[in-house]
Amino acid sequence: MNKSFGFSLVELMVVVVIMGLLSTVVYPSYVEYVARGARGDAVAGIMRVANLQEQFYLDNRSFETDMTKLGL
């Protein structure tokens, strides 16, 4: 009796096609998710700078253009 172990070429090609279809659906969603996370970090950083500028204005009655004087 001849038993063969492993996968045939057709089975491997079916898996490759399925993985290709899944990746075309999942990859754009992943890219959008990463972009949303980066956008949230950017907004948080800008809000921090805005708060530091407001605090500096309250202390000195002028805004600062040098970010090192704000503590950044």
PDB file of N, CA and C in Angstrom:
ATOM      1  N   MET A   1       0.833  -1.176   0.000  1.00  0.00           N
ATOM      2  CA  MET A   1       0.000   0.000   0.000  1.00  0.00           C
ATOM      3  C   MET A   1       0.883   1.248   0.000  1.00  0.00           C
ATOM      4  N   ASN A   2       0.640   2.144  -0.918  1.00  0.00           N
ATOM      5  CA  ASN A   2       1.459   3.341  -1.075  1.00  0.00           C
ATOM      6  C   ASN A   2       0.738   4.526  -0.453  1.00  0.00           C
ATOM      7  N   LYS A   3       1.235   5.004   0.691  1.00  0.00           N
ATOM      8  CA  LYS A   3       0.640   6.174   1.348  1.00  0.00           C
ATOM      9  C   LYS A   3       1.556   7.362   1.119  1.00  0.00           C
ATOM     10  N   SER A   4       0.946   8.471   0.728  1.00  0.00           N
ATOM     11  CA  SER A   4       1.747   9.681   0.565  1.00  0.00           C
ATOM     12  C   SER A   4       1.289  10.707   1.594  1.00  0.00           C
ATOM     13  N   PHE A   5       2.254  11.374   2.154  1.00  0.00           N
ATOM     14  CA  PHE A   5       1.969  12.397   3.151  1.00  0.00           C
ATOM     15  C   PHE A   5       2.342  13.751   2.565  1.00  0.00           C
ATOM     16  N   GLY A   6       1.529  14.749   2.859  1.00  0.00           N
ATOM     17  CA  GLY A   6       1.828  16.088   2.356  1.00  0.00           C
ATOM     18  C   GLY A   6       0.630  16.666   1.631  1.00  0.00           C
ATOM     19  N   PHE A   7       0.903  17.723   0.918  1.00  0.00           N
ATOM     20  CA  PHE A   7      -0.152  18.431   0.207  1.00  0.00           C
ATOM     21  C   PHE A   7       0.107  18.374  -1.281  1.00  0.00           C
ATOM     22  N   SER A   8      -0.966  18.407  -2.027  1.00  0.00           N
ATOM     23  CA  SER A   8      -0.816  18.450  -3.473  1.00  0.00           C
ATOM     24  C   SER A   8      -0.669  19.907  -3.913  1.00  0.00           C
ATOM     25  N   LEU A   9      -0.255  20.116  -5.127  1.00  0.00           N
ATOM     26  CA  LEU A   9      -0.068  21.454  -5.661  1.00  0.00           C
ATOM     27  C   LEU A   9      -1.402  22.205  -5.722  1.00  0.00           C
ATOM     28  N   VAL A  10      -2.463  21.523  -6.030  1.00  0.00           N
ATOM     29  CA  VAL A  10      -3.783  22.148  -6.101  1.00  0.00           C
ATOM     30  C   VAL A  10      -4.207  22.647  -4.724  1.00  0.00           C
ATOM     31  N   GLU A  11      -3.973  21.859  -3.697  1.00  0.00           N
ATOM     32  CA  GLU A  11      -4.329  22.281  -2.337  1.00  0.00           C
ATOM     33  C   GLU A  11      -3.521  23.509  -1.921  1.00  0.00           C
ATOM     34  N   LEU A  12      -2.246  23.525  -2.245  1.00  0.00           N
ATOM     35  CA  LEU A  12      -1.417  24.678  -1.914  1.00  0.00           C
ATOM     36  C   LEU A  12      -1.870  25.923  -2.673  1.00  0.00           C
ATOM     37  N   MET A  13      -2.245  25.780  -3.938  1.00  0.00           N
ATOM     38  CA  MET A  13      -2.712  26.928  -4.724  1.00  0.00           C
ATOM     39  C   MET A  13      -4.027  27.468  -4.178  1.00  0.00           C
ATOM     40  N   VAL A  14      -4.913  26.610  -3.698  1.00  0.00           N
ATOM     41  CA  VAL A  14      -6.173  27.055  -3.093  1.00  0.00           C
ATOM     42  C   VAL A  14      -5.878  27.877  -1.843  1.00  0.00           C
ATOM     43  N   VAL A  15      -4.934  27.443  -1.034  1.00  0.00           N
ATOM     44  CA  VAL A  15      -4.564  28.185   0.172  1.00  0.00           C
ATOM     45  C   VAL A  15      -3.965  29.538  -0.199  1.00  0.00           C
ATOM     46  N   VAL A  16      -3.128  29.580  -1.234  1.00  0.00           N
ATOM     47  CA  VAL A  16      -2.523  30.841  -1.673  1.00  0.00           C
ATOM     48  C   VAL A  16      -3.603  31.806  -2.156  1.00  0.00           C
ATOM     49  N   VAL A  17      -4.577  31.323  -2.893  1.00  0.00           N
ATOM     50  CA  VAL A  17      -5.670  32.177  -3.380  1.00  0.00           C
ATOM     51  C   VAL A  17      -6.495  32.705  -2.212  1.00  0.00           C
ATOM     52  N   ILE A  18      -6.801  31.863  -1.258  1.00  0.00           N
ATOM     53  CA  ILE A  18      -7.575  32.295  -0.085  1.00  0.00           C
ATOM     54  C   ILE A  18      -6.804  33.351   0.695  1.00  0.00           C
ATOM     55  N   MET A  19      -5.508  33.142   0.906  1.00  0.00           N
ATOM     56  CA  MET A  19      -4.696  34.121   1.627  1.00  0.00           C
ATOM     57  C   MET A  19      -4.619  35.443   0.863  1.00  0.00           C
ATOM     58  N   GLY A  20      -4.542  35.379  -0.441  1.00  0.00           N
ATOM     59  CA  GLY A  20      -4.523  36.590  -1.262  1.00  0.00           C
ATOM     60  C   GLY A  20      -5.814  37.377  -1.133  1.00  0.00           C
ATOM     61  N   LEU A  21      -6.935  36.679  -1.165  1.00  0.00           N
ATOM     62  CA  LEU A  21      -8.226  37.355  -1.018  1.00  0.00           C
ATOM     63  C   LEU A  21      -8.377  37.974   0.365  1.00  0.00           C
ATOM     64  N   LEU A  22      -7.966  37.248   1.387  1.00  0.00           N
ATOM     65  CA  LEU A  22      -8.042  37.795   2.738  1.00  0.00           C
ATOM     66  C   LEU A  22      -7.145  39.017   2.908  1.00  0.00           C
ATOM     67  N   SER A  23      -5.957  38.975   2.322  1.00  0.00           N
ATOM     68  CA  SER A  23      -5.041  40.103   2.471  1.00  0.00           C
ATOM     69  C   SER A  23      -5.548  41.342   1.740  1.00  0.00           C
ATOM     70  N   THR A  24      -6.269  41.180   0.637  1.00  0.00           N
ATOM     71  CA  THR A  24      -6.803  42.353  -0.062  1.00  0.00           C
ATOM     72  C   THR A  24      -7.913  43.014   0.743  1.00  0.00           C
ATOM     73  N   VAL A  25      -8.561  42.271   1.604  1.00  0.00           N
ATOM     74  CA  VAL A  25      -9.611  42.845   2.451  1.00  0.00           C
ATOM     75  C   VAL A  25      -9.027  43.402   3.734  1.00  0.00           C
ATOM     76  N   VAL A  26      -8.090  42.715   4.332  1.00  0.00           N
ATOM     77  CA  VAL A  26      -7.573  43.074   5.650  1.00  0.00           C
ATOM     78  C   VAL A  26      -6.560  44.212   5.589  1.00  0.00           C
ATOM     79  N   TYR A  27      -5.686  44.241   4.607  1.00  0.00           N
ATOM     80  CA  TYR A  27      -4.608  45.231   4.558  1.00  0.00           C
ATOM     81  C   TYR A  27      -5.101  46.678   4.541  1.00  0.00           C
ATOM     82  N   PRO A  28      -6.087  47.050   3.724  1.00  0.00           N
ATOM     83  CA  PRO A  28      -6.569  48.433   3.772  1.00  0.00           C
ATOM     84  C   PRO A  28      -7.160  48.809   5.130  1.00  0.00           C
ATOM     85  N   SER A  29      -7.833  47.888   5.772  1.00  0.00           N
ATOM     86  CA  SER A  29      -8.370  48.156   7.101  1.00  0.00           C
ATOM     87  C   SER A  29      -7.251  48.373   8.101  1.00  0.00           C
ATOM     88  N   TYR A  30      -6.198  47.597   8.001  1.00  0.00           N
ATOM     89  CA  TYR A  30      -5.056  47.743   8.900  1.00  0.00           C
ATOM     90  C   TYR A  30      -4.364  49.093   8.699  1.00  0.00           C
ATOM     91  N   VAL A  31      -4.197  49.496   7.443  1.00  0.00           N
ATOM     92  CA  VAL A  31      -3.556  50.778   7.147  1.00  0.00           C
ATOM     93  C   VAL A  31      -4.393  51.926   7.707  1.00  0.00           C
ATOM     94  N   GLU A  32      -5.704  51.839   7.573  1.00  0.00           N
ATOM     95  CA  GLU A  32      -6.588  52.877   8.111  1.00  0.00           C
ATOM     96  C   GLU A  32      -6.513  52.906   9.639  1.00  0.00           C
ATOM     97  N   TYR A  33      -6.432  51.760  10.264  1.00  0.00           N
ATOM     98  CA  TYR A  33      -6.325  51.683  11.721  1.00  0.00           C
ATOM     99  C   TYR A  33      -5.034  52.330  12.211  1.00  0.00           C
ATOM    100  N   VAL A  34      -3.935  52.055  11.540  1.00  0.00           N
ATOM    101  CA  VAL A  34      -2.652  52.643  11.915  1.00  0.00           C
ATOM    102  C   VAL A  34      -2.678  54.151  11.715  1.00  0.00           C
ATOM    103  N   ALA A  35      -3.283  54.612  10.622  1.00  0.00           N
ATOM    104  CA  ALA A  35      -3.364  56.049  10.360  1.00  0.00           C
ATOM    105  C   ALA A  35      -4.200  56.747  11.427  1.00  0.00           C
ATOM    106  N   ARG A  36      -5.293  56.124  11.853  1.00  0.00           N
ATOM    107  CA  ARG A  36      -6.117  56.720  12.913  1.00  0.00           C
ATOM    108  C   ARG A  36      -5.333  56.834  14.218  1.00  0.00           C
ATOM    109  N   GLY A  37      -4.537  55.838  14.528  1.00  0.00           N
ATOM    110  CA  GLY A  37      -3.711  55.886  15.736  1.00  0.00           C
ATOM    111  C   GLY A  37      -2.677  56.989  15.669  1.00  0.00           C
ATOM    112  N   ALA A  38      -2.031  57.134  14.512  1.00  0.00           N
ATOM    113  CA  ALA A  38      -1.029  58.192  14.344  1.00  0.00           C
ATOM    114  C   ALA A  38      -1.689  59.566  14.400  1.00  0.00           C
ATOM    115  N   ARG A  39      -2.880  59.672  13.841  1.00  0.00           N
ATOM    116  CA  ARG A  39      -3.612  60.941  13.877  1.00  0.00           C
ATOM    117  C   ARG A  39      -3.957  61.318  15.310  1.00  0.00           C
ATOM    118  N   GLY A  40      -4.339  60.363  16.113  1.00  0.00           N
ATOM    119  CA  GLY A  40      -4.648  60.622  17.522  1.00  0.00           C
ATOM    120  C   GLY A  40      -3.423  61.090  18.288  1.00  0.00           C
ATOM    121  N   ASP A  41      -2.268  60.478  18.007  1.00  0.00           N
ATOM    122  CA  ASP A  41      -1.025  60.904  18.648  1.00  0.00           C
ATOM    123  C   ASP A  41      -0.655  62.320  18.240  1.00  0.00           C
ATOM    124  N   ALA A  42      -0.875  62.653  16.978  1.00  0.00           N
ATOM    125  CA  ALA A  42      -0.555  63.996  16.498  1.00  0.00           C
ATOM    126  C   ALA A  42      -1.441  65.043  17.165  1.00  0.00           C
ATOM    127  N   VAL A  43      -2.718  64.746  17.286  1.00  0.00           N
ATOM    128  CA  VAL A  43      -3.636  65.690  17.935  1.00  0.00           C
ATOM    129  C   VAL A  43      -3.252  65.879  19.394  1.00  0.00           C
ATOM    130  N   ALA A  44      -2.866  64.815  20.074  1.00  0.00           N
ATOM    131  CA  ALA A  44      -2.453  64.922  21.471  1.00  0.00           C
ATOM    132  C   ALA A  44      -1.199  65.785  21.602  1.00  0.00           C
ATOM    133  N   GLY A  45      -0.251  65.634  20.685  1.00  0.00           N
ATOM    134  CA  GLY A  45       0.962  66.444  20.715  1.00  0.00           C
ATOM    135  C   GLY A  45       0.677  67.910  20.460  1.00  0.00           C
ATOM    136  N   ILE A  46      -0.196  68.185  19.517  1.00  0.00           N
ATOM    137  CA  ILE A  46      -0.554  69.577  19.217  1.00  0.00           C
ATOM    138  C   ILE A  46      -1.289  70.207  20.388  1.00  0.00           C
ATOM    139  N   MET A  47      -2.141  69.448  21.026  1.00  0.00           N
ATOM    140  CA  MET A  47      -2.853  69.975  22.194  1.00  0.00           C
ATOM    141  C   MET A  47      -1.880  70.271  23.335  1.00  0.00           C
ATOM    142  N   ARG A  48      -0.852  69.458  23.480  1.00  0.00           N
ATOM    143  CA  ARG A  48       0.156  69.704  24.522  1.00  0.00           C
ATOM    144  C   ARG A  48       0.879  71.020  24.258  1.00  0.00           C
ATOM    145  N   VAL A  49       1.284  71.236  22.988  1.00  0.00           N
ATOM    146  CA  VAL A  49       1.962  72.478  22.633  1.00  0.00           C
ATOM    147  C   VAL A  49       1.033  73.673  22.852  1.00  0.00           C
ATOM    148  N   ALA A  50      -0.247  73.530  22.488  1.00  0.00           N
ATOM    149  CA  ALA A  50      -1.200  74.616  22.681  1.00  0.00           C
ATOM    150  C   ALA A  50      -1.355  74.947  24.167  1.00  0.00           C
ATOM    151  N   ASN A  51      -1.412  73.945  24.999  1.00  0.00           N
ATOM    152  CA  ASN A  51      -1.519  74.183  26.442  1.00  0.00           C
ATOM    153  C   ASN A  51      -0.270  74.864  26.993  1.00  0.00           C
ATOM    154  N   LEU A  52       0.900  74.438  26.530  1.00  0.00           N
ATOM    155  CA  LEU A  52       2.134  75.085  26.969  1.00  0.00           C
ATOM    156  C   LEU A  52       2.191  76.546  26.508  1.00  0.00           C
ATOM    157  N   GLN A  53       1.726  76.810  25.292  1.00  0.00           N
ATOM    158  CA  GLN A  53       1.693  78.184  24.784  1.00  0.00           C
ATOM    159  C   GLN A  53       0.745  79.041  25.627  1.00  0.00           C
ATOM    160  N   GLU A  54      -0.402  78.504  25.967  1.00  0.00           N
ATOM    161  CA  GLU A  54      -1.354  79.258  26.790  1.00  0.00           C
ATOM    162  C   GLU A  54      -0.774  79.551  28.172  1.00  0.00           C
ATOM    163  N   GLN A  55      -0.084  78.575  28.747  1.00  0.00           N
ATOM    164  CA  GLN A  55       0.531  78.794  30.046  1.00  0.00           C
ATOM    165  C   GLN A  55       1.627  79.848  29.955  1.00  0.00           C
ATOM    166  N   PHE A  56       2.426  79.795  28.901  1.00  0.00           N
ATOM    167  CA  PHE A  56       3.474  80.786  28.709  1.00  0.00           C
ATOM    168  C   PHE A  56       2.870  82.174  28.531  1.00  0.00           C
ATOM    169  N   TYR A  57       1.755  82.252  27.787  1.00  0.00           N
ATOM    170  CA  TYR A  57       1.099  83.544  27.573  1.00  0.00           C
ATOM    171  C   TYR A  57       0.577  84.111  28.890  1.00  0.00           C
ATOM    172  N   LEU A  58       0.017  83.264  29.722  1.00  0.00           N
ATOM    173  CA  LEU A  58      -0.473  83.734  31.020  1.00  0.00           C
ATOM    174  C   LEU A  58       0.663  84.253  31.904  1.00  0.00           C
ATOM    175  N   ASP A  59       1.817  83.617  31.812  1.00  0.00           N
ATOM    176  CA  ASP A  59       2.958  84.025  32.633  1.00  0.00           C
ATOM    177  C   ASP A  59       3.660  85.268  32.092  1.00  0.00           C
ATOM    178  N   ASN A  60       3.752  85.411  30.755  1.00  0.00           N
ATOM    179  CA  ASN A  60       4.593  86.449  30.143  1.00  0.00           C
ATOM    180  C   ASN A  60       3.843  87.451  29.272  1.00  0.00           C
ATOM    181  N   ARG A  61       2.576  87.270  29.057  1.00  0.00           N
ATOM    182  CA  ARG A  61       1.748  88.140  28.212  1.00  0.00           C
ATOM    183  C   ARG A  61       2.239  88.227  26.768  1.00  0.00           C
ATOM    184  N   SER A  62       2.855  87.169  26.288  1.00  0.00           N
ATOM    185  CA  SER A  62       3.239  87.058  24.882  1.00  0.00           C
ATOM    186  C   SER A  62       3.408  85.575  24.549  1.00  0.00           C
ATOM    187  N   PHE A  63       3.275  85.258  23.273  1.00  0.00           N
ATOM    188  CA  PHE A  63       3.491  83.884  22.836  1.00  0.00           C
ATOM    189  C   PHE A  63       4.961  83.679  22.501  1.00  0.00           C
ATOM    190  N   GLU A  64       5.395  82.450  22.571  1.00  0.00           N
ATOM    191  CA  GLU A  64       6.803  82.125  22.333  1.00  0.00           C
ATOM    192  C   GLU A  64       6.941  81.377  21.021  1.00  0.00           C
ATOM    193  N   THR A  65       7.939  81.743  20.223  1.00  0.00           N
ATOM    194  CA  THR A  65       8.203  81.033  18.966  1.00  0.00           C
ATOM    195  C   THR A  65       9.270  79.960  19.133  1.00  0.00           C
ATOM    196  N   ASP A  66      10.065  80.050  20.188  1.00  0.00           N
ATOM    197  CA  ASP A  66      11.113  79.065  20.455  1.00  0.00           C
ATOM    198  C   ASP A  66      10.540  77.966  21.349  1.00  0.00           C
ATOM    199  N   MET A  67      10.423  76.778  20.796  1.00  0.00           N
ATOM    200  CA  MET A  67       9.789  75.675  21.532  1.00  0.00           C
ATOM    201  C   MET A  67      10.627  75.193  22.713  1.00  0.00           C
ATOM    202  N   THR A  68      11.933  75.446  22.695  1.00  0.00           N
ATOM    203  CA  THR A  68      12.769  75.016  23.817  1.00  0.00           C
ATOM    204  C   THR A  68      12.435  75.803  25.073  1.00  0.00           C
ATOM    205  N   LYS A  69      11.963  77.039  24.911  1.00  0.00           N
ATOM    206  CA  LYS A  69      11.582  77.834  26.076  1.00  0.00           C
ATOM    207  C   LYS A  69      10.246  77.363  26.671  1.00  0.00           C
ATOM    208  N   LEU A  70       9.518  76.586  25.894  1.00  0.00           N
ATOM    209  CA  LEU A  70       8.276  76.004  26.406  1.00  0.00           C
ATOM    210  C   LEU A  70       8.545  74.684  27.115  1.00  0.00           C
ATOM    211  N   GLY A  71       9.742  74.187  27.011  1.00  0.00           N
ATOM    212  CA  GLY A  71      10.071  72.924  27.653  1.00  0.00           C
ATOM    213  C   GLY A  71       9.975  71.731  26.723  1.00  0.00           C
ATOM    214  N   LEU A  72       9.974  71.974  25.432  1.00  0.00           N
ATOM    215  CA  LEU A  72       9.900  70.871  24.462  1.00  0.00           C
ATOM    216  C   LEU A  72      11.270  70.558  23.899  1.00  0.00           C
TER     217      LEU A  72
END
